[in-house]
Amino acid sequence: MAAYLASNSSVVISGTVENQGRFYNRFEAVVLLSAPVEVLIERVSTRTSNPYGNVETEQSVIRQQVLDVEPLLRQGATLELDGRRPLSELADAVERLMESAGHVR
């Protein structure tokens, strides 16, 4: 990851890993995409591309992770976007963020 970030000045990365805070200083912005836990549960339980979240034990893990991890993610974020917004609006918000940093013209 360090080598990739060093060689790319304009990049958007999506995901969550345990050590992500180590890389925050290399980004101009850190965006948290959030949604209420019940929205998250509804989404994982109805998707067809991945079975994770279909059973109650997995949904309980998701609920606990939202309680434990989301506050930590929020502390490191420079911007929080509501994941209930349409995908096109979210993409536009990220593009505006990149434009303001001089990465998109």
C-alpha atoms as a PDB file:
ATOM      1  CA  MET A   1       0.000   0.000   0.000  1.00  0.00           C
ATOM      2  CA  ALA A   2       2.767   2.432   0.877  1.00  0.00           C
ATOM      3  CA  ALA A   3       4.468   1.931  -2.506  1.00  0.00           C
ATOM      4  CA  TYR A   4       1.192   2.338  -4.375  1.00  0.00           C
ATOM      5  CA  LEU A   5       0.328   5.548  -2.569  1.00  0.00           C
ATOM      6  CA  ALA A   6       3.829   6.905  -3.148  1.00  0.00           C
ATOM      7  CA  SER A   7       3.513   6.386  -6.893  1.00  0.00           C
ATOM      8  CA  ASN A   8      -0.059   7.679  -7.360  1.00  0.00           C
ATOM      9  CA  SER A   9      -0.972  11.255  -6.525  1.00  0.00           C
ATOM     10  CA  SER A  10      -4.667  11.032  -7.414  1.00  0.00           C
ATOM     11  CA  VAL A  11      -6.366   7.979  -5.975  1.00  0.00           C
ATOM     12  CA  VAL A  12      -9.618   7.021  -4.268  1.00  0.00           C
ATOM     13  CA  ILE A  13      -9.471   3.913  -2.097  1.00  0.00           C
ATOM     14  CA  SER A  14     -12.469   2.166  -0.605  1.00  0.00           C
ATOM     15  CA  GLY A  15     -12.487  -0.274   2.257  1.00  0.00           C
ATOM     16  CA  THR A  16     -11.740  -0.762   5.901  1.00  0.00           C
ATOM     17  CA  VAL A  17      -8.774  -2.543   7.411  1.00  0.00           C
ATOM     18  CA  GLU A  18      -7.481  -2.686  10.951  1.00  0.00           C
ATOM     19  CA  ASN A  19      -4.330  -0.630  10.260  1.00  0.00           C
ATOM     20  CA  GLN A  20      -5.827   2.006   7.962  1.00  0.00           C
ATOM     21  CA  GLY A  21      -5.036   4.827  10.373  1.00  0.00           C
ATOM     22  CA  ARG A  22      -1.348   4.386   9.547  1.00  0.00           C
ATOM     23  CA  PHE A  23      -2.065   5.718   6.060  1.00  0.00           C
ATOM     24  CA  TYR A  24      -4.341   8.673   6.873  1.00  0.00           C
ATOM     25  CA  ASN A  25      -1.474  11.177   6.739  1.00  0.00           C
ATOM     26  CA  ARG A  26      -0.983  10.309   3.063  1.00  0.00           C
ATOM     27  CA  PHE A  27      -4.504  11.387   2.097  1.00  0.00           C
ATOM     28  CA  GLU A  28      -5.942  14.839   1.730  1.00  0.00           C
ATOM     29  CA  ALA A  29      -9.325  13.512   2.830  1.00  0.00           C
ATOM     30  CA  VAL A  30     -10.733  10.474   4.587  1.00  0.00           C
ATOM     31  CA  VAL A  31     -14.418   9.927   3.881  1.00  0.00           C
ATOM     32  CA  LEU A  32     -16.707   7.848   6.069  1.00  0.00           C
ATOM     33  CA  LEU A  33     -19.690   6.440   4.214  1.00  0.00           C
ATOM     34  CA  SER A  34     -22.242   5.658   6.907  1.00  0.00           C
ATOM     35  CA  ALA A  35     -25.813   4.430   7.195  1.00  0.00           C
ATOM     36  CA  PRO A  36     -28.025   3.375  10.093  1.00  0.00           C
ATOM     37  CA  VAL A  37     -27.354  -0.187  11.197  1.00  0.00           C
ATOM     38  CA  GLU A  38     -30.807  -1.375  10.138  1.00  0.00           C
ATOM     39  CA  VAL A  39     -30.137  -0.108   6.611  1.00  0.00           C
ATOM     40  CA  LEU A  40     -26.855  -2.017   6.598  1.00  0.00           C
ATOM     41  CA  ILE A  41     -28.589  -5.195   7.809  1.00  0.00           C
ATOM     42  CA  GLU A  42     -31.296  -4.846   5.162  1.00  0.00           C
ATOM     43  CA  ARG A  43     -28.669  -4.415   2.452  1.00  0.00           C
ATOM     44  CA  VAL A  44     -26.532  -7.399   3.413  1.00  0.00           C
ATOM     45  CA  SER A  45     -29.515  -9.673   3.965  1.00  0.00           C
ATOM     46  CA  THR A  46     -31.013  -8.962   0.530  1.00  0.00           C
ATOM     47  CA  ARG A  47     -27.947  -8.872  -1.709  1.00  0.00           C
ATOM     48  CA  THR A  48     -27.382 -11.774  -4.072  1.00  0.00           C
ATOM     49  CA  SER A  49     -23.655 -11.382  -4.710  1.00  0.00           C
ATOM     50  CA  ASN A  50     -22.452 -12.368  -1.223  1.00  0.00           C
ATOM     51  CA  PRO A  51     -24.181 -14.560   1.396  1.00  0.00           C
ATOM     52  CA  TYR A  52     -22.518 -12.858   4.390  1.00  0.00           C
ATOM     53  CA  GLY A  53     -25.154 -11.216   6.574  1.00  0.00           C
ATOM     54  CA  ASN A  54     -27.994 -13.599   5.790  1.00  0.00           C
ATOM     55  CA  VAL A  55     -27.971 -15.245   9.217  1.00  0.00           C
ATOM     56  CA  GLU A  56     -28.653 -13.655  12.587  1.00  0.00           C
ATOM     57  CA  THR A  57     -25.220 -14.449  14.044  1.00  0.00           C
ATOM     58  CA  GLU A  58     -23.539 -12.491  11.224  1.00  0.00           C
ATOM     59  CA  GLN A  59     -26.019  -9.663  11.628  1.00  0.00           C
ATOM     60  CA  SER A  60     -25.173  -9.534  15.342  1.00  0.00           C
ATOM     61  CA  VAL A  61     -21.491  -9.187  14.447  1.00  0.00           C
ATOM     62  CA  ILE A  62     -22.355  -6.322  12.077  1.00  0.00           C
ATOM     63  CA  ARG A  63     -24.384  -4.572  14.791  1.00  0.00           C
ATOM     64  CA  GLN A  64     -21.515  -4.882  17.259  1.00  0.00           C
ATOM     65  CA  GLN A  65     -18.955  -3.662  14.721  1.00  0.00           C
ATOM     66  CA  VAL A  66     -21.067  -0.587  14.048  1.00  0.00           C
ATOM     67  CA  LEU A  67     -21.098   0.137  17.785  1.00  0.00           C
ATOM     68  CA  ASP A  68     -17.383  -0.530  18.283  1.00  0.00           C
ATOM     69  CA  VAL A  69     -15.728   0.504  15.026  1.00  0.00           C
ATOM     70  CA  GLU A  70     -17.841   3.250  13.481  1.00  0.00           C
ATOM     71  CA  PRO A  71     -16.984   5.796  16.219  1.00  0.00           C
ATOM     72  CA  LEU A  72     -13.283   5.162  15.566  1.00  0.00           C
ATOM     73  CA  LEU A  73     -13.779   5.595  11.823  1.00  0.00           C
ATOM     74  CA  ARG A  74     -15.724   8.797  12.444  1.00  0.00           C
ATOM     75  CA  GLN A  75     -12.820  10.213  14.510  1.00  0.00           C
ATOM     76  CA  GLY A  76     -10.410   9.738  11.625  1.00  0.00           C
ATOM     77  CA  ALA A  77     -12.745  10.995   8.919  1.00  0.00           C
ATOM     78  CA  THR A  78     -12.516  14.455   7.434  1.00  0.00           C
ATOM     79  CA  LEU A  79     -15.945  14.086   5.804  1.00  0.00           C
ATOM     80  CA  GLU A  80     -18.933  11.863   6.467  1.00  0.00           C
ATOM     81  CA  LEU A  81     -21.427  11.037   3.721  1.00  0.00           C
ATOM     82  CA  ASP A  82     -24.855   9.507   4.242  1.00  0.00           C
ATOM     83  CA  GLY A  83     -24.812   6.116   2.501  1.00  0.00           C
ATOM     84  CA  ARG A  84     -28.570   6.301   1.980  1.00  0.00           C
ATOM     85  CA  ARG A  85     -28.039   8.947  -0.680  1.00  0.00           C
ATOM     86  CA  PRO A  86     -28.196   7.814  -4.312  1.00  0.00           C
ATOM     87  CA  LEU A  87     -24.940   6.426  -5.658  1.00  0.00           C
ATOM     88  CA  SER A  88     -24.677   9.218  -8.239  1.00  0.00           C
ATOM     89  CA  GLU A  89     -24.840  11.859  -5.481  1.00  0.00           C
ATOM     90  CA  LEU A  90     -22.148  10.075  -3.469  1.00  0.00           C
ATOM     91  CA  ALA A  91     -19.891   9.823  -6.515  1.00  0.00           C
ATOM     92  CA  ASP A  92     -20.461  13.516  -7.255  1.00  0.00           C
ATOM     93  CA  ALA A  93     -19.528  14.422  -3.666  1.00  0.00           C
ATOM     94  CA  VAL A  94     -16.263  12.463  -3.933  1.00  0.00           C
ATOM     95  CA  GLU A  95     -15.534  14.053  -7.306  1.00  0.00           C
ATOM     96  CA  ARG A  96     -16.103  17.543  -5.836  1.00  0.00           C
ATOM     97  CA  LEU A  97     -13.729  16.658  -3.006  1.00  0.00           C
ATOM     98  CA  MET A  98     -11.085  15.624  -5.510  1.00  0.00           C
ATOM     99  CA  GLU A  99     -11.671  18.784  -7.570  1.00  0.00           C
ATOM    100  CA  SER A 100     -11.208  20.955  -4.490  1.00  0.00           C
ATOM    101  CA  ALA A 101      -7.869  19.216  -3.902  1.00  0.00           C
ATOM    102  CA  GLY A 102      -6.854  19.878  -7.513  1.00  0.00           C
ATOM    103  CA  HIS A 103      -6.980  16.252  -8.660  1.00  0.00           C
ATOM    104  CA  VAL A 104      -9.827  16.447 -11.189  1.00  0.00           C
ATOM    105  CA  ARG A 105     -10.381  18.978 -13.953  1.00  0.00           C
END
